[in-house]
Amino acid sequence: MSEFIEGFDVIRRYGLAATFFGSSRPMLHDDSYVGAEELARRLSQKGFAIVTGGSSGIMQAANKGAFEVGGASVGLNVSLSEAQDYNPYLTEKFVFDHFFVRKVMLTYASEVYVYFPGGFGTLDEFFEIVTLIQTKKLRAVPLVLIGREYWEPLLSFIEKTLYEKYAAIDKADMKLYTLVDSIDEAYEYITKNVSC
């Protein structure tokens, strides 16, 4: 219970926040890394605190973008049996013992959620938040998926299989997220749809 209290104390410090999700695998010169760093830099300059899982890869890139322009750069990490180090670009960090508590903090921390390519964890975080919005357990906020090549196969499955074949979701559910292919598109969409 104390993790929840302490975690909420951390996230309440920031009025406007963007949470970034994506691969934790190091990819310093990858387009996704460079893009996450640039988008976080620009959002930070608009007053957004940048929130991530605090580790490497996309998380590090986003934190670096905010950190280098003097913005709030928050890492919400989890204690694992194999050491998961914090990246060096954090102005505030918090470590959780349990994934589910960390996920709650990442879920309720932001006015926008930004998704770059990633693995099972990234997909889990996407489906968790889109489900919470779909079921009205979380207020509707922008979910921005960056990278058409990565996301289109999944979105096609959602449309063709979940919606058309099985009627397992409504057509409106496919409007809960926005797919963009550039950092400029992402930035424009976010600043247009979130009061800065």
N, C-alpha and C. Protein backbone atom coordinates (compact mmCIF):
# COMPACT_ATOMS: atom_id res chain seq x y z
N MET A 1 0.82 -1.19 0.00
CA MET A 1 0.00 0.00 0.00
C MET A 1 0.87 1.26 0.00
N SER A 2 1.99 1.20 0.70
CA SER A 2 2.85 2.38 0.76
C SER A 2 3.41 2.74 -0.61
N GLU A 3 3.62 1.74 -1.48
CA GLU A 3 4.09 2.03 -2.84
C GLU A 3 3.08 2.88 -3.60
N PHE A 4 1.80 2.59 -3.42
CA PHE A 4 0.77 3.39 -4.08
C PHE A 4 0.81 4.83 -3.58
N ILE A 5 0.87 5.00 -2.28
CA ILE A 5 0.87 6.34 -1.69
C ILE A 5 2.09 7.13 -2.16
N GLU A 6 3.26 6.52 -2.06
CA GLU A 6 4.49 7.20 -2.49
C GLU A 6 4.48 7.47 -3.99
N GLY A 7 4.00 6.51 -4.76
CA GLY A 7 3.93 6.68 -6.22
C GLY A 7 3.02 7.83 -6.61
N PHE A 8 1.83 7.90 -6.00
CA PHE A 8 0.92 9.00 -6.31
C PHE A 8 1.50 10.34 -5.88
N ASP A 9 2.26 10.35 -4.78
CA ASP A 9 2.93 11.59 -4.37
C ASP A 9 3.89 12.07 -5.45
N VAL A 10 4.59 11.14 -6.08
CA VAL A 10 5.54 11.50 -7.14
C VAL A 10 4.79 12.06 -8.34
N ILE A 11 3.77 11.36 -8.83
CA ILE A 11 3.13 11.81 -10.07
C ILE A 11 2.27 13.05 -9.88
N ARG A 12 1.81 13.32 -8.68
CA ARG A 12 1.00 14.52 -8.43
C ARG A 12 1.82 15.80 -8.51
N ARG A 13 3.11 15.69 -8.49
CA ARG A 13 3.97 16.88 -8.55
C ARG A 13 3.94 17.56 -9.91
N TYR A 14 3.43 16.87 -10.91
CA TYR A 14 3.49 17.37 -12.28
C TYR A 14 2.09 17.59 -12.82
N GLY A 15 1.81 18.82 -13.23
CA GLY A 15 0.47 19.13 -13.73
C GLY A 15 0.22 18.61 -15.12
N LEU A 16 1.22 18.64 -15.95
CA LEU A 16 1.08 18.25 -17.36
C LEU A 16 2.17 17.23 -17.65
N ALA A 17 1.78 16.06 -18.12
CA ALA A 17 2.78 15.02 -18.33
C ALA A 17 2.49 14.21 -19.59
N ALA A 18 3.56 13.70 -20.19
CA ALA A 18 3.48 12.79 -21.33
C ALA A 18 4.25 11.54 -20.96
N THR A 19 3.61 10.39 -21.05
CA THR A 19 4.28 9.13 -20.76
C THR A 19 4.70 8.48 -22.07
N PHE A 20 5.96 8.08 -22.14
CA PHE A 20 6.53 7.44 -23.32
C PHE A 20 6.72 5.95 -23.06
N PHE A 21 6.32 5.13 -24.02
CA PHE A 21 6.51 3.69 -23.97
C PHE A 21 7.27 3.25 -25.21
N GLY A 22 8.03 2.17 -25.09
CA GLY A 22 8.76 1.63 -26.23
C GLY A 22 9.83 0.67 -25.75
N SER A 23 10.57 0.13 -26.68
CA SER A 23 11.57 -0.88 -26.38
C SER A 23 12.62 -0.38 -25.39
N SER A 24 13.01 -1.27 -24.49
CA SER A 24 14.09 -0.95 -23.55
C SER A 24 15.45 -1.36 -24.10
N ARG A 25 15.45 -1.97 -25.26
CA ARG A 25 16.72 -2.42 -25.84
C ARG A 25 17.50 -1.22 -26.37
N PRO A 26 18.79 -1.17 -26.05
CA PRO A 26 19.60 -0.03 -26.49
C PRO A 26 19.60 0.11 -28.01
N MET A 27 19.38 1.32 -28.48
CA MET A 27 19.36 1.59 -29.92
C MET A 27 19.67 3.07 -30.15
N LEU A 28 20.85 3.48 -29.73
CA LEU A 28 21.21 4.89 -29.67
C LEU A 28 21.09 5.65 -30.98
N HIS A 29 21.28 5.00 -32.11
CA HIS A 29 21.24 5.73 -33.38
C HIS A 29 20.03 5.33 -34.22
N ASP A 30 19.14 4.56 -33.66
CA ASP A 30 17.93 4.13 -34.34
C ASP A 30 16.98 5.33 -34.51
N ASP A 31 16.18 5.31 -35.57
CA ASP A 31 15.23 6.40 -35.82
C ASP A 31 14.25 6.56 -34.66
N SER A 32 13.83 5.46 -34.05
CA SER A 32 12.89 5.55 -32.93
C SER A 32 13.52 6.25 -31.74
N TYR A 33 14.78 5.92 -31.45
CA TYR A 33 15.49 6.55 -30.33
C TYR A 33 15.61 8.05 -30.58
N VAL A 34 16.08 8.40 -31.76
CA VAL A 34 16.26 9.81 -32.12
C VAL A 34 14.92 10.54 -32.08
N GLY A 35 13.87 9.88 -32.60
CA GLY A 35 12.54 10.48 -32.60
C GLY A 35 11.98 10.69 -31.21
N ALA A 36 12.15 9.71 -30.33
CA ALA A 36 11.67 9.84 -28.96
C ALA A 36 12.38 10.97 -28.24
N GLU A 37 13.68 11.08 -28.46
CA GLU A 37 14.45 12.16 -27.84
C GLU A 37 13.94 13.52 -28.32
N GLU A 38 13.73 13.65 -29.63
CA GLU A 38 13.28 14.92 -30.20
C GLU A 38 11.87 15.29 -29.74
N LEU A 39 10.94 14.33 -29.76
CA LEU A 39 9.57 14.62 -29.34
C LEU A 39 9.53 15.01 -27.86
N ALA A 40 10.26 14.29 -27.04
CA ALA A 40 10.30 14.62 -25.61
C ALA A 40 10.90 16.00 -25.39
N ARG A 41 11.93 16.33 -26.12
CA ARG A 41 12.55 17.66 -26.01
C ARG A 41 11.50 18.74 -26.32
N ARG A 42 10.79 18.57 -27.42
CA ARG A 42 9.81 19.57 -27.83
C ARG A 42 8.64 19.67 -26.85
N LEU A 43 8.16 18.53 -26.37
CA LEU A 43 7.06 18.56 -25.41
C LEU A 43 7.51 19.15 -24.08
N SER A 44 8.72 18.85 -23.68
CA SER A 44 9.27 19.41 -22.45
C SER A 44 9.34 20.93 -22.53
N GLN A 45 9.73 21.44 -23.67
CA GLN A 45 9.79 22.89 -23.87
C GLN A 45 8.40 23.53 -23.83
N LYS A 46 7.36 22.73 -24.05
CA LYS A 46 5.97 23.21 -23.96
C LYS A 46 5.42 23.05 -22.54
N GLY A 47 6.23 22.53 -21.62
CA GLY A 47 5.81 22.41 -20.23
C GLY A 47 5.40 21.03 -19.77
N PHE A 48 5.54 20.03 -20.62
CA PHE A 48 5.22 18.66 -20.22
C PHE A 48 6.34 18.06 -19.39
N ALA A 49 5.99 17.38 -18.30
CA ALA A 49 6.94 16.49 -17.64
C ALA A 49 6.97 15.22 -18.50
N ILE A 50 8.14 14.64 -18.68
CA ILE A 50 8.28 13.42 -19.45
C ILE A 50 8.42 12.26 -18.48
N VAL A 51 7.52 11.29 -18.59
CA VAL A 51 7.47 10.14 -17.68
C VAL A 51 7.76 8.88 -18.48
N THR A 52 8.65 8.04 -17.95
CA THR A 52 8.97 6.76 -18.59
C THR A 52 9.17 5.70 -17.51
N GLY A 53 9.49 4.51 -17.96
CA GLY A 53 9.85 3.44 -17.04
C GLY A 53 11.24 3.62 -16.47
N GLY A 54 11.98 4.62 -16.94
CA GLY A 54 13.26 4.99 -16.35
C GLY A 54 14.45 4.17 -16.76
N SER A 55 14.29 3.24 -17.69
CA SER A 55 15.38 2.36 -18.07
C SER A 55 16.04 2.84 -19.37
N SER A 56 16.46 1.90 -20.20
CA SER A 56 17.21 2.22 -21.41
C SER A 56 16.30 2.29 -22.64
N GLY A 57 16.90 2.38 -23.81
CA GLY A 57 16.15 2.39 -25.06
C GLY A 57 15.31 3.63 -25.23
N ILE A 58 14.05 3.44 -25.62
CA ILE A 58 13.12 4.55 -25.84
C ILE A 58 12.95 5.37 -24.57
N MET A 59 12.92 4.69 -23.43
CA MET A 59 12.76 5.39 -22.15
C MET A 59 13.91 6.37 -21.94
N GLN A 60 15.12 5.90 -22.16
CA GLN A 60 16.29 6.77 -22.01
C GLN A 60 16.24 7.93 -22.99
N ALA A 61 15.86 7.64 -24.23
CA ALA A 61 15.80 8.69 -25.25
C ALA A 61 14.84 9.80 -24.83
N ALA A 62 13.65 9.42 -24.39
CA ALA A 62 12.66 10.42 -23.98
C ALA A 62 13.15 11.21 -22.77
N ASN A 63 13.70 10.52 -21.78
CA ASN A 63 14.22 11.22 -20.61
C ASN A 63 15.36 12.16 -20.99
N LYS A 64 16.21 11.72 -21.90
CA LYS A 64 17.33 12.55 -22.34
C LYS A 64 16.82 13.83 -23.01
N GLY A 65 15.81 13.70 -23.87
CA GLY A 65 15.26 14.87 -24.55
C GLY A 65 14.78 15.92 -23.56
N ALA A 66 14.08 15.49 -22.52
CA ALA A 66 13.59 16.43 -21.50
C ALA A 66 14.72 16.97 -20.65
N PHE A 67 15.59 16.09 -20.22
CA PHE A 67 16.69 16.45 -19.31
C PHE A 67 17.59 17.51 -19.92
N GLU A 68 17.90 17.36 -21.20
CA GLU A 68 18.86 18.26 -21.84
C GLU A 68 18.32 19.67 -22.06
N VAL A 69 17.00 19.86 -21.93
CA VAL A 69 16.45 21.22 -22.02
C VAL A 69 15.96 21.70 -20.66
N GLY A 70 16.36 21.00 -19.60
CA GLY A 70 16.02 21.42 -18.24
C GLY A 70 14.60 21.09 -17.81
N GLY A 71 13.96 20.16 -18.51
CA GLY A 71 12.58 19.79 -18.17
C GLY A 71 12.52 18.69 -17.13
N ALA A 72 11.32 18.48 -16.61
CA ALA A 72 11.09 17.39 -15.66
C ALA A 72 11.18 16.06 -16.40
N SER A 73 12.00 15.16 -15.89
CA SER A 73 12.27 13.88 -16.53
C SER A 73 12.16 12.79 -15.47
N VAL A 74 11.04 12.08 -15.48
CA VAL A 74 10.68 11.18 -14.39
C VAL A 74 10.81 9.72 -14.83
N GLY A 75 11.44 8.90 -13.99
CA GLY A 75 11.58 7.47 -14.25
C GLY A 75 10.89 6.66 -13.18
N LEU A 76 9.94 5.82 -13.59
CA LEU A 76 9.23 4.93 -12.67
C LEU A 76 9.65 3.50 -13.00
N ASN A 77 10.63 3.00 -12.26
CA ASN A 77 11.25 1.72 -12.56
C ASN A 77 10.67 0.63 -11.67
N VAL A 78 11.07 -0.60 -11.94
CA VAL A 78 10.62 -1.73 -11.14
C VAL A 78 11.83 -2.56 -10.75
N SER A 79 11.79 -3.09 -9.54
CA SER A 79 12.87 -3.93 -9.04
C SER A 79 12.75 -5.32 -9.66
N LEU A 80 13.79 -5.74 -10.38
CA LEU A 80 13.81 -7.06 -11.03
C LEU A 80 14.95 -7.89 -10.47
N SER A 81 14.86 -9.21 -10.65
CA SER A 81 15.94 -10.08 -10.18
C SER A 81 17.24 -9.78 -10.91
N GLU A 82 17.13 -9.47 -12.21
CA GLU A 82 18.30 -9.00 -12.96
C GLU A 82 18.28 -7.49 -12.86
N ALA A 83 19.40 -6.90 -12.51
CA ALA A 83 19.46 -5.46 -12.31
C ALA A 83 18.95 -4.71 -13.54
N GLN A 84 18.07 -3.77 -13.31
CA GLN A 84 17.57 -2.89 -14.36
C GLN A 84 17.96 -1.48 -13.94
N ASP A 85 19.03 -0.98 -14.52
CA ASP A 85 19.54 0.32 -14.12
C ASP A 85 18.67 1.46 -14.62
N TYR A 86 18.70 2.54 -13.86
CA TYR A 86 18.08 3.78 -14.33
C TYR A 86 18.96 4.38 -15.40
N ASN A 87 18.36 5.11 -16.31
CA ASN A 87 19.17 5.86 -17.26
C ASN A 87 19.67 7.13 -16.56
N PRO A 88 20.71 7.77 -17.08
CA PRO A 88 21.31 8.91 -16.38
C PRO A 88 20.59 10.25 -16.61
N TYR A 89 19.42 10.24 -17.22
CA TYR A 89 18.76 11.49 -17.60
C TYR A 89 17.47 11.74 -16.83
N LEU A 90 17.49 11.48 -15.54
CA LEU A 90 16.29 11.63 -14.72
C LEU A 90 16.44 12.76 -13.72
N THR A 91 15.40 13.56 -13.58
CA THR A 91 15.37 14.57 -12.53
C THR A 91 14.68 14.01 -11.29
N GLU A 92 13.91 12.94 -11.48
CA GLU A 92 13.25 12.26 -10.36
C GLU A 92 13.05 10.80 -10.73
N LYS A 93 13.26 9.93 -9.74
CA LYS A 93 13.08 8.50 -10.00
C LYS A 93 12.44 7.83 -8.81
N PHE A 94 11.77 6.73 -9.12
CA PHE A 94 11.10 5.95 -8.09
C PHE A 94 11.14 4.50 -8.51
N VAL A 95 11.47 3.61 -7.59
CA VAL A 95 11.51 2.18 -7.91
C VAL A 95 10.38 1.46 -7.17
N PHE A 96 9.65 0.63 -7.91
CA PHE A 96 8.54 -0.14 -7.35
C PHE A 96 8.95 -1.59 -7.20
N ASP A 97 8.41 -2.25 -6.19
CA ASP A 97 8.65 -3.68 -6.02
C ASP A 97 7.75 -4.52 -6.92
N HIS A 98 6.61 -3.96 -7.30
CA HIS A 98 5.62 -4.72 -8.05
C HIS A 98 5.28 -4.05 -9.38
N PHE A 99 5.23 -4.86 -10.45
CA PHE A 99 4.88 -4.35 -11.78
C PHE A 99 3.51 -3.68 -11.78
N PHE A 100 2.54 -4.29 -11.09
CA PHE A 100 1.18 -3.76 -11.17
C PHE A 100 1.08 -2.36 -10.55
N VAL A 101 1.85 -2.08 -9.51
CA VAL A 101 1.83 -0.74 -8.91
C VAL A 101 2.47 0.26 -9.88
N ARG A 102 3.59 -0.14 -10.46
CA ARG A 102 4.26 0.71 -11.45
C ARG A 102 3.31 1.01 -12.61
N LYS A 103 2.60 -0.01 -13.06
CA LYS A 103 1.68 0.18 -14.19
C LYS A 103 0.57 1.16 -13.84
N VAL A 104 0.06 1.08 -12.62
CA VAL A 104 -0.97 2.03 -12.19
C VAL A 104 -0.41 3.45 -12.24
N MET A 105 0.80 3.64 -11.76
CA MET A 105 1.40 4.98 -11.76
C MET A 105 1.61 5.49 -13.19
N LEU A 106 2.11 4.63 -14.07
CA LEU A 106 2.31 5.03 -15.47
C LEU A 106 0.97 5.33 -16.15
N THR A 107 -0.07 4.63 -15.74
CA THR A 107 -1.39 4.78 -16.34
C THR A 107 -2.06 6.09 -15.95
N TYR A 108 -1.93 6.47 -14.71
CA TYR A 108 -2.65 7.66 -14.24
C TYR A 108 -1.77 8.90 -14.19
N ALA A 109 -0.62 8.84 -14.82
CA ALA A 109 0.33 9.93 -14.72
C ALA A 109 0.17 11.02 -15.76
N SER A 110 -0.55 10.78 -16.85
CA SER A 110 -0.37 11.65 -18.01
C SER A 110 -1.63 12.16 -18.69
N GLU A 111 -1.38 13.19 -19.50
CA GLU A 111 -2.40 13.76 -20.38
C GLU A 111 -2.27 13.21 -21.79
N VAL A 112 -1.20 12.50 -22.06
CA VAL A 112 -0.98 11.88 -23.37
C VAL A 112 -0.04 10.69 -23.19
N TYR A 113 -0.28 9.64 -23.98
CA TYR A 113 0.57 8.45 -23.97
C TYR A 113 1.15 8.26 -25.35
N VAL A 114 2.46 8.13 -25.41
CA VAL A 114 3.19 8.05 -26.67
C VAL A 114 3.82 6.67 -26.76
N TYR A 115 3.56 5.97 -27.87
CA TYR A 115 4.05 4.61 -28.05
C TYR A 115 4.97 4.52 -29.26
N PHE A 116 6.19 4.11 -29.00
CA PHE A 116 7.16 3.80 -30.05
C PHE A 116 7.22 2.28 -30.17
N PRO A 117 7.86 1.75 -31.21
CA PRO A 117 8.00 0.30 -31.33
C PRO A 117 8.63 -0.32 -30.08
N GLY A 118 8.14 -1.49 -29.70
CA GLY A 118 8.65 -2.17 -28.53
C GLY A 118 8.23 -3.63 -28.52
N GLY A 119 8.47 -4.28 -27.41
CA GLY A 119 8.16 -5.70 -27.28
C GLY A 119 6.86 -5.94 -26.54
N PHE A 120 6.79 -7.09 -25.86
CA PHE A 120 5.57 -7.47 -25.16
C PHE A 120 5.15 -6.42 -24.13
N GLY A 121 6.12 -5.84 -23.42
CA GLY A 121 5.79 -4.84 -22.40
C GLY A 121 5.10 -3.63 -23.00
N THR A 122 5.60 -3.16 -24.14
CA THR A 122 5.00 -2.01 -24.81
C THR A 122 3.58 -2.34 -25.26
N LEU A 123 3.39 -3.52 -25.84
CA LEU A 123 2.06 -3.92 -26.28
C LEU A 123 1.11 -4.08 -25.10
N ASP A 124 1.60 -4.64 -24.01
CA ASP A 124 0.80 -4.77 -22.79
C ASP A 124 0.35 -3.39 -22.30
N GLU A 125 1.28 -2.44 -22.30
CA GLU A 125 0.95 -1.09 -21.83
C GLU A 125 -0.05 -0.41 -22.77
N PHE A 126 0.08 -0.64 -24.07
CA PHE A 126 -0.88 -0.07 -25.01
C PHE A 126 -2.27 -0.66 -24.78
N PHE A 127 -2.37 -1.99 -24.73
CA PHE A 127 -3.68 -2.61 -24.58
C PHE A 127 -4.31 -2.30 -23.22
N GLU A 128 -3.50 -2.17 -22.20
CA GLU A 128 -4.02 -1.80 -20.87
C GLU A 128 -4.70 -0.44 -20.93
N ILE A 129 -4.01 0.53 -21.48
CA ILE A 129 -4.55 1.89 -21.48
C ILE A 129 -5.71 2.04 -22.45
N VAL A 130 -5.62 1.44 -23.63
CA VAL A 130 -6.75 1.54 -24.57
C VAL A 130 -7.99 0.85 -23.99
N THR A 131 -7.81 -0.23 -23.26
CA THR A 131 -8.95 -0.91 -22.62
C THR A 131 -9.55 -0.05 -21.52
N LEU A 132 -8.71 0.59 -20.72
CA LEU A 132 -9.22 1.47 -19.66
C LEU A 132 -10.01 2.64 -20.23
N ILE A 133 -9.55 3.18 -21.35
CA ILE A 133 -10.29 4.27 -21.99
C ILE A 133 -11.59 3.74 -22.61
N GLN A 134 -11.49 2.60 -23.28
CA GLN A 134 -12.67 1.99 -23.91
C GLN A 134 -13.78 1.73 -22.88
N THR A 135 -13.40 1.26 -21.71
CA THR A 135 -14.37 0.91 -20.67
C THR A 135 -14.67 2.09 -19.73
N LYS A 136 -14.12 3.25 -20.09
CA LYS A 136 -14.35 4.50 -19.34
C LYS A 136 -13.85 4.44 -17.89
N LYS A 137 -12.82 3.65 -17.67
CA LYS A 137 -12.16 3.62 -16.36
C LYS A 137 -11.01 4.63 -16.30
N LEU A 138 -10.69 5.18 -17.45
CA LEU A 138 -9.67 6.23 -17.56
C LEU A 138 -10.23 7.26 -18.52
N ARG A 139 -10.04 8.52 -18.18
CA ARG A 139 -10.56 9.57 -19.06
C ARG A 139 -9.91 9.46 -20.44
N ALA A 140 -10.62 9.87 -21.45
CA ALA A 140 -10.08 9.81 -22.82
C ALA A 140 -8.97 10.83 -22.97
N VAL A 141 -7.80 10.34 -23.29
CA VAL A 141 -6.63 11.18 -23.56
C VAL A 141 -6.00 10.66 -24.84
N PRO A 142 -5.19 11.47 -25.50
CA PRO A 142 -4.56 10.99 -26.73
C PRO A 142 -3.61 9.82 -26.50
N LEU A 143 -3.75 8.81 -27.35
CA LEU A 143 -2.81 7.70 -27.43
C LEU A 143 -2.18 7.82 -28.82
N VAL A 144 -0.90 8.08 -28.86
CA VAL A 144 -0.21 8.34 -30.13
C VAL A 144 0.75 7.20 -30.42
N LEU A 145 0.51 6.52 -31.54
CA LEU A 145 1.35 5.40 -31.98
C LEU A 145 2.27 5.93 -33.07
N ILE A 146 3.57 5.82 -32.84
CA ILE A 146 4.53 6.39 -33.78
C ILE A 146 5.24 5.27 -34.54
N GLY A 147 5.13 5.33 -35.87
CA GLY A 147 5.81 4.36 -36.72
C GLY A 147 4.85 3.45 -37.44
N ARG A 148 4.40 3.87 -38.59
CA ARG A 148 3.42 3.13 -39.39
C ARG A 148 3.87 1.70 -39.67
N GLU A 149 5.13 1.50 -40.03
CA GLU A 149 5.62 0.16 -40.38
C GLU A 149 5.45 -0.82 -39.22
N TYR A 150 5.71 -0.35 -38.01
CA TYR A 150 5.59 -1.21 -36.83
C TYR A 150 4.13 -1.45 -36.45
N TRP A 151 3.31 -0.40 -36.40
CA TRP A 151 1.97 -0.48 -35.85
C TRP A 151 0.91 -0.97 -36.84
N GLU A 152 1.08 -0.74 -38.14
CA GLU A 152 0.02 -1.08 -39.10
C GLU A 152 -0.41 -2.55 -39.08
N PRO A 153 0.51 -3.52 -38.98
CA PRO A 153 0.04 -4.91 -38.92
C PRO A 153 -0.88 -5.18 -37.72
N LEU A 154 -0.55 -4.61 -36.58
CA LEU A 154 -1.39 -4.79 -35.39
C LEU A 154 -2.74 -4.10 -35.58
N LEU A 155 -2.72 -2.88 -36.09
CA LEU A 155 -3.97 -2.14 -36.29
C LEU A 155 -4.84 -2.80 -37.35
N SER A 156 -4.21 -3.40 -38.35
CA SER A 156 -4.95 -4.15 -39.37
C SER A 156 -5.63 -5.37 -38.74
N PHE A 157 -4.91 -6.07 -37.86
CA PHE A 157 -5.50 -7.21 -37.14
C PHE A 157 -6.69 -6.75 -36.30
N ILE A 158 -6.53 -5.63 -35.61
CA ILE A 158 -7.62 -5.11 -34.79
C ILE A 158 -8.84 -4.83 -35.66
N GLU A 159 -8.62 -4.17 -36.80
CA GLU A 159 -9.75 -3.83 -37.67
C GLU A 159 -10.36 -5.06 -38.35
N LYS A 160 -9.52 -5.88 -38.99
CA LYS A 160 -10.03 -7.00 -39.79
C LYS A 160 -10.56 -8.15 -38.92
N THR A 161 -9.86 -8.43 -37.83
CA THR A 161 -10.24 -9.59 -37.02
C THR A 161 -11.16 -9.22 -35.86
N LEU A 162 -10.71 -8.29 -35.03
CA LEU A 162 -11.53 -7.95 -33.86
C LEU A 162 -12.83 -7.25 -34.24
N TYR A 163 -12.73 -6.29 -35.17
CA TYR A 163 -13.93 -5.52 -35.53
C TYR A 163 -14.77 -6.21 -36.61
N GLU A 164 -14.17 -6.47 -37.77
CA GLU A 164 -14.96 -6.99 -38.90
C GLU A 164 -15.37 -8.45 -38.74
N LYS A 165 -14.44 -9.31 -38.40
CA LYS A 165 -14.74 -10.75 -38.36
C LYS A 165 -15.52 -11.16 -37.11
N TYR A 166 -15.08 -10.68 -35.94
CA TYR A 166 -15.69 -11.15 -34.70
C TYR A 166 -16.59 -10.13 -34.00
N ALA A 167 -16.63 -8.90 -34.49
CA ALA A 167 -17.43 -7.84 -33.85
C ALA A 167 -17.14 -7.76 -32.35
N ALA A 168 -15.87 -7.95 -32.00
CA ALA A 168 -15.46 -7.94 -30.59
C ALA A 168 -15.22 -6.53 -30.05
N ILE A 169 -15.13 -5.57 -30.96
CA ILE A 169 -15.00 -4.16 -30.57
C ILE A 169 -15.93 -3.35 -31.47
N ASP A 170 -16.18 -2.11 -31.07
CA ASP A 170 -16.99 -1.20 -31.88
C ASP A 170 -16.08 -0.40 -32.80
N LYS A 171 -16.66 0.13 -33.87
CA LYS A 171 -15.90 0.97 -34.80
C LYS A 171 -15.27 2.16 -34.07
N ALA A 172 -15.99 2.73 -33.12
CA ALA A 172 -15.49 3.88 -32.36
C ALA A 172 -14.23 3.53 -31.57
N ASP A 173 -14.06 2.27 -31.20
CA ASP A 173 -12.88 1.86 -30.43
C ASP A 173 -11.59 2.06 -31.22
N MET A 174 -11.69 2.02 -32.53
CA MET A 174 -10.50 2.20 -33.36
C MET A 174 -10.12 3.68 -33.48
N LYS A 175 -10.92 4.55 -32.88
CA LYS A 175 -10.60 5.98 -32.86
C LYS A 175 -10.00 6.39 -31.52
N LEU A 176 -9.76 5.42 -30.65
CA LEU A 176 -9.18 5.72 -29.34
C LEU A 176 -7.69 6.00 -29.43
N TYR A 177 -7.09 5.70 -30.55
CA TYR A 177 -5.65 5.91 -30.76
C TYR A 177 -5.44 6.55 -32.12
N THR A 178 -4.27 7.16 -32.26
CA THR A 178 -3.92 7.84 -33.51
C THR A 178 -2.56 7.35 -33.97
N LEU A 179 -2.48 6.96 -35.23
CA LEU A 179 -1.22 6.50 -35.83
C LEU A 179 -0.59 7.64 -36.60
N VAL A 180 0.67 7.91 -36.32
CA VAL A 180 1.43 8.92 -37.05
C VAL A 180 2.74 8.31 -37.52
N ASP A 181 3.35 8.97 -38.48
CA ASP A 181 4.59 8.42 -39.02
C ASP A 181 5.78 9.35 -38.85
N SER A 182 5.56 10.49 -38.21
CA SER A 182 6.69 11.41 -38.01
C SER A 182 6.56 12.10 -36.66
N ILE A 183 7.67 12.61 -36.20
CA ILE A 183 7.69 13.35 -34.94
C ILE A 183 6.91 14.65 -35.09
N ASP A 184 7.00 15.29 -36.25
CA ASP A 184 6.22 16.51 -36.47
C ASP A 184 4.72 16.24 -36.36
N GLU A 185 4.26 15.16 -36.98
CA GLU A 185 2.83 14.79 -36.89
C GLU A 185 2.43 14.54 -35.44
N ALA A 186 3.27 13.82 -34.71
CA ALA A 186 2.98 13.51 -33.31
C ALA A 186 2.90 14.79 -32.49
N TYR A 187 3.87 15.66 -32.66
CA TYR A 187 3.91 16.91 -31.91
C TYR A 187 2.68 17.77 -32.21
N GLU A 188 2.35 17.91 -33.48
CA GLU A 188 1.18 18.70 -33.87
C GLU A 188 -0.10 18.12 -33.28
N TYR A 189 -0.24 16.81 -33.36
CA TYR A 189 -1.44 16.16 -32.83
C TYR A 189 -1.55 16.37 -31.32
N ILE A 190 -0.46 16.17 -30.61
CA ILE A 190 -0.47 16.30 -29.15
C ILE A 190 -0.77 17.74 -28.74
N THR A 191 -0.07 18.71 -29.32
CA THR A 191 -0.28 20.09 -28.90
C THR A 191 -1.65 20.62 -29.30
N LYS A 192 -2.24 20.04 -30.32
CA LYS A 192 -3.60 20.42 -30.74
C LYS A 192 -4.66 19.82 -29.81
N ASN A 193 -4.38 18.65 -29.25
CA ASN A 193 -5.37 17.91 -28.47
C ASN A 193 -5.17 17.93 -26.97
N VAL A 194 -4.10 18.54 -26.50
CA VAL A 194 -3.85 18.65 -25.06
C VAL A 194 -3.60 20.12 -24.75
N SER A 195 -4.30 20.65 -23.76
CA SER A 195 -4.10 22.05 -23.38
C SER A 195 -2.75 22.23 -22.72
N CYS A 196 -1.90 22.99 -23.37
CA CYS A 196 -0.54 23.22 -22.85
C CYS A 196 -0.47 24.52 -22.09
